Protein backbone atom coordinates (compact mmCIF):
# COMPACT_ATOMS: atom_id res chain seq x y z
CA MET A 1 0.00 0.00 0.00
CA LEU A 2 2.84 2.41 0.83
CA LYS A 3 4.35 1.72 -2.58
CA SER A 4 1.00 2.52 -4.20
CA LEU A 5 0.84 5.79 -2.31
CA ALA A 6 4.35 6.66 -3.45
CA VAL A 7 3.37 6.05 -7.06
CA LEU A 8 0.23 8.12 -6.57
CA SER A 9 2.30 10.94 -5.13
CA ALA A 10 4.73 10.96 -8.03
CA LEU A 11 1.97 10.95 -10.63
CA LEU A 12 -0.37 13.30 -8.83
CA LEU A 13 2.29 15.87 -8.27
CA SER A 14 3.65 15.82 -11.78
CA PRO A 15 3.28 19.01 -13.80
CA ALA A 16 1.25 17.17 -16.44
CA VAL A 17 -1.63 16.83 -13.99
CA MET A 18 -1.85 20.56 -13.34
CA ALA A 19 -3.39 22.55 -16.22
CA GLN A 20 -2.59 26.13 -17.10
CA ASP A 21 -5.80 27.47 -15.56
CA ALA A 22 -5.19 25.74 -12.22
CA PRO A 23 -4.21 27.74 -9.17
CA PRO A 24 -0.53 28.59 -9.34
CA PRO A 25 1.94 26.12 -7.83
CA PRO A 26 3.92 27.13 -4.76
CA PRO A 27 6.99 29.30 -5.34
CA SER A 28 9.91 27.63 -7.10
CA GLY A 29 7.71 24.97 -8.69
CA GLY A 30 7.25 22.95 -5.50
CA THR A 31 4.62 20.38 -4.72
CA PRO A 32 1.00 21.48 -5.26
CA GLN A 33 -0.91 21.85 -2.04
CA PRO A 34 -4.07 19.79 -1.42
CA GLU A 35 -6.12 23.00 -1.64
CA GLN A 36 -4.76 23.63 -5.13
CA ILE A 37 -5.55 20.10 -6.27
CA VAL A 38 -9.13 20.29 -4.97
CA ALA A 39 -9.62 23.73 -6.55
CA PHE A 40 -8.37 22.41 -9.88
CA MET A 41 -10.44 19.21 -9.99
CA ASP A 42 -13.64 20.35 -8.25
CA ALA A 43 -15.61 21.18 -11.39
CA ASN A 44 -18.91 21.85 -9.62
CA LYS A 45 -17.21 23.83 -6.82
CA ASP A 46 -18.87 21.92 -3.98
CA GLY A 47 -15.58 21.52 -2.09
CA PHE A 48 -15.10 17.84 -2.96
CA ILE A 49 -13.60 15.79 -5.77
CA ALA A 50 -16.31 13.43 -7.02
CA LYS A 51 -15.46 10.26 -8.94
CA ASP A 52 -16.41 11.88 -12.24
CA GLU A 53 -14.24 14.93 -11.45
CA ALA A 54 -11.12 12.95 -10.55
CA GLN A 55 -8.25 12.99 -13.02
CA GLY A 56 -4.93 11.26 -13.43
CA PRO A 57 -3.83 9.01 -10.58
CA LEU A 58 -6.78 10.05 -8.42
CA VAL A 59 -9.00 7.93 -10.65
CA GLN A 60 -6.96 4.81 -9.91
CA TYR A 61 -6.51 5.53 -6.19
CA PHE A 62 -9.91 7.09 -5.54
CA ALA A 63 -11.14 4.27 -3.29
CA VAL A 64 -7.94 4.38 -1.20
CA ILE A 65 -8.11 8.15 -0.65
CA ASP A 66 -11.90 8.19 -0.06
CA ALA A 67 -11.58 7.01 3.54
CA ASP A 68 -15.24 7.46 4.50
CA LYS A 69 -16.45 5.77 1.28
CA ASP A 70 -18.91 8.54 0.40
CA ASP A 71 -17.82 8.57 -3.27
CA LYS A 72 -16.07 11.93 -2.97
CA ILE A 73 -12.66 13.06 -1.75
CA SER A 74 -12.68 15.84 0.79
CA LEU A 75 -9.82 18.23 1.38
CA GLU A 76 -9.09 16.45 4.67
CA GLU A 77 -8.98 13.04 2.99
CA LEU A 78 -6.58 14.36 0.37
CA LYS A 79 -4.41 16.00 3.05
CA THR A 80 -4.29 12.71 4.98
CA ALA A 81 -3.33 10.73 1.86
CA MET A 82 -0.63 13.21 0.90
CA ALA A 83 0.75 13.28 4.45
CA ALA A 84 0.97 9.48 4.39
CA MET A 85 3.09 9.73 1.22
CA ARG A 86 5.67 12.09 2.72
CA PRO A 87 8.97 10.46 3.59
CA PRO A 88 9.74 10.36 7.31
CA GLU A 89 11.70 13.24 8.79
CA PRO A 90 15.37 12.41 9.25
CA SER A 91 16.48 11.73 12.81
CA GLN A 92 18.77 14.26 14.38
C-alpha cells in the first residue's frame, strides 16, 4: 500500500496533472498543495472531488483516498493521503 501511495504521489504531483488554468503552484515549482488540487479538480465547486471529477492518478486511487467511502474526496482526505506519502523526517 505504501508503494502505491508513493506512485500516486509521483503521478499526482507531476506538472502534467496541473493545467494552465489551475491555481498557481507554490513558489519555485514545489509540490502542489491539497487545496490547489481540490480547486483544480472540483468542477462543480462543492468543495469535494467526485469520482467523475477525478483525473490522473486520483482515478486509480480514488477508493484508497476516499476514507469514508462517500464517493467523494474531501480536502481532509486528500491531506491525509498526501501526508501518508511524505517520507519520514530524518532523525537528528
